[in-house]
C-alpha atoms as a PDB file:
ATOM      1  CA  MET A   1      17.295 -12.884  -6.288  1.00  0.00           C
ATOM      2  CA  VAL A   2      17.701 -13.756  -2.546  1.00  0.00           C
ATOM      3  CA  ALA A   3      17.193 -10.775  -1.586  1.00  0.00           C
ATOM      4  CA  GLN A   4      14.173 -10.084  -3.572  1.00  0.00           C
ATOM      5  CA  LEU A   5      12.274 -13.186  -2.548  1.00  0.00           C
ATOM      6  CA  LEU A   6      12.601 -11.586   1.027  1.00  0.00           C
ATOM      7  CA  ARG A   7      11.156  -8.611   0.354  1.00  0.00           C
ATOM      8  CA  GLU A   8       8.201 -10.306  -2.218  1.00  0.00           C
ATOM      9  CA  LEU A   9       7.837 -12.358   1.057  1.00  0.00           C
ATOM     10  CA  ARG A  10       7.631  -9.651   4.292  1.00  0.00           C
ATOM     11  CA  LEU A  11       5.523  -7.564   2.003  1.00  0.00           C
ATOM     12  CA  ALA A  12       2.948 -10.778   1.549  1.00  0.00           C
ATOM     13  CA  ALA A  13       3.158 -11.311   5.346  1.00  0.00           C
ATOM     14  CA  GLY A  14       2.146  -7.888   5.886  1.00  0.00           C
ATOM     15  CA  LEU A  15       5.570  -6.313   7.934  1.00  0.00           C
ATOM     16  CA  THR A  16       7.280  -3.496   7.359  1.00  0.00           C
ATOM     17  CA  GLN A  17      10.796  -3.832   7.797  1.00  0.00           C
ATOM     18  CA  ALA A  18      11.119  -2.409  11.812  1.00  0.00           C
ATOM     19  CA  GLN A  19       8.771  -5.229  12.741  1.00  0.00           C
ATOM     20  CA  ALA A  20      10.628  -7.540  10.573  1.00  0.00           C
ATOM     21  CA  ALA A  21      14.042  -6.414  12.492  1.00  0.00           C
ATOM     22  CA  ALA A  22      12.581  -6.600  16.139  1.00  0.00           C
ATOM     23  CA  ALA A  23      11.026  -9.616  15.436  1.00  0.00           C
ATOM     24  CA  VAL A  24      14.428 -11.159  14.453  1.00  0.00           C
ATOM     25  CA  GLY A  25      16.631  -9.142  16.482  1.00  0.00           C
ATOM     26  CA  ILE A  26      18.528  -7.330  14.020  1.00  0.00           C
ATOM     27  CA  THR A  27      18.275  -3.522  12.588  1.00  0.00           C
ATOM     28  CA  GLN A  28      15.384  -1.984   9.888  1.00  0.00           C
ATOM     29  CA  ALA A  29      18.658  -1.161   8.636  1.00  0.00           C
ATOM     30  CA  GLY A  30      19.690  -4.239   8.474  1.00  0.00           C
ATOM     31  CA  ILE A  31      16.908  -5.692   6.898  1.00  0.00           C
ATOM     32  CA  SER A  32      16.701  -3.083   4.333  1.00  0.00           C
ATOM     33  CA  GLU A  33      20.836  -4.001   3.243  1.00  0.00           C
ATOM     34  CA  MET A  34      19.546  -7.689   3.057  1.00  0.00           C
ATOM     35  CA  GLU A  35      16.153  -6.809   0.575  1.00  0.00           C
ATOM     36  CA  ASN A  36      18.394  -4.318  -1.641  1.00  0.00           C
ATOM     37  CA  GLY A  37      21.714  -6.945  -1.836  1.00  0.00           C
ATOM     38  CA  ALA A  38      23.885  -4.384   0.107  1.00  0.00           C
ATOM     39  CA  ARG A  39      24.557  -7.143   3.121  1.00  0.00           C
ATOM     40  CA  GLY A  40      25.611 -10.470   2.882  1.00  0.00           C
ATOM     41  CA  LEU A  41      22.682 -12.420   3.875  1.00  0.00           C
ATOM     42  CA  ASP A  42      23.385 -14.779   6.833  1.00  0.00           C
ATOM     43  CA  LEU A  43      21.640 -18.295   5.988  1.00  0.00           C
ATOM     44  CA  LEU A  44      20.022 -18.512   9.794  1.00  0.00           C
ATOM     45  CA  VAL A  45      18.764 -15.206   9.548  1.00  0.00           C
ATOM     46  CA  VAL A  46      16.747 -15.903   6.541  1.00  0.00           C
ATOM     47  CA  ARG A  47      15.196 -19.088   7.906  1.00  0.00           C
ATOM     48  CA  ASP A  48      14.466 -17.035  10.271  1.00  0.00           C
ATOM     49  CA  LEU A  49      12.851 -14.482   8.539  1.00  0.00           C
ATOM     50  CA  VAL A  50      11.310 -17.378   6.207  1.00  0.00           C
ATOM     51  CA  ASN A  51       9.613 -18.899   9.228  1.00  0.00           C
ATOM     52  CA  LEU A  52       8.823 -15.171  10.502  1.00  0.00           C
ATOM     53  CA  TYR A  53       6.569 -14.712   7.552  1.00  0.00           C
ATOM     54  CA  GLY A  54       4.469 -17.058   7.337  1.00  0.00           C
ATOM     55  CA  ALA A  55       6.771 -18.928   4.340  1.00  0.00           C
ATOM     56  CA  ASP A  56       7.349 -22.848   3.879  1.00  0.00           C
ATOM     57  CA  TRP A  57      10.784 -23.152   3.752  1.00  0.00           C
ATOM     58  CA  PRO A  58      11.496 -26.337   1.429  1.00  0.00           C
ATOM     59  CA  ALA A  59       8.961 -24.200  -0.958  1.00  0.00           C
ATOM     60  CA  VAL A  60      10.998 -21.045  -0.561  1.00  0.00           C
ATOM     61  CA  ILE A  61      14.420 -22.803  -1.872  1.00  0.00           C
ATOM     62  CA  VAL A  62      11.967 -24.796  -4.694  1.00  0.00           C
ATOM     63  CA  GLU A  63      11.284 -21.311  -5.602  1.00  0.00           C
ATOM     64  CA  LEU A  64      15.185 -19.795  -5.032  1.00  0.00           C
ATOM     65  CA  ASP A  65      16.150 -22.625  -7.575  1.00  0.00           C
ATOM     66  CA  ARG A  66      13.464 -22.220 -10.397  1.00  0.00           C
ATOM     67  CA  ARG A  67      14.766 -18.477 -10.237  1.00  0.00           C
ATOM     68  CA  ILE A  68      18.284 -19.424 -10.004  1.00  0.00           C
ATOM     69  CA  ALA A  69      18.203 -21.701 -13.139  1.00  0.00           C
ATOM     70  CA  ALA A  70      15.537 -19.050 -15.057  1.00  0.00           C
ATOM     71  CA  GLY A  71      18.278 -16.801 -15.030  1.00  0.00           C
ATOM     72  CA  LEU A  72      18.126 -13.045 -15.135  1.00  0.00           C
ATOM     73  CA  THR A  73      16.961 -11.007 -18.302  1.00  0.00           C
ATOM     74  CA  PRO A  74      19.997  -8.881 -18.918  1.00  0.00           C
ATOM     75  CA  ALA A  75      18.585  -4.983 -18.642  1.00  0.00           C
ATOM     76  CA  LYS A  76      19.576  -4.708 -22.710  1.00  0.00           C
ATOM     77  CA  ALA A  77      17.659  -7.233 -23.427  1.00  0.00           C
ATOM     78  CA  LEU A  78      14.083  -5.342 -22.342  1.00  0.00           C
ATOM     79  CA  MET A  79      15.141  -1.970 -24.464  1.00  0.00           C
ATOM     80  CA  LYS A  80      13.247  -0.916 -27.781  1.00  0.00           C
ATOM     81  CA  PRO A  81      14.897  -1.398 -31.179  1.00  0.00           C
ATOM     82  CA  LYS A  82      16.438   1.788 -31.860  1.00  0.00           C
ATOM     83  CA  PRO A  83      14.879   3.100 -35.310  1.00  0.00           C
END
């Protein structure tokens, strides 16, 4: 959930992964891995990215709480019924 929100925020800010990475001192691959959930998240880097993207940190936390509370829709629930 955090990874997806970070990607959404970056895109909303109009930044590439390379631009975001350079601004916070990590590699473009690091941003990609964070956004794809292939890398653990460092809270300080996440905070720096949120600030870079121009988002409000407390609002981001509230949104994360909302997404966590809503839960994920299991893929099985998205399947069409079989005839």
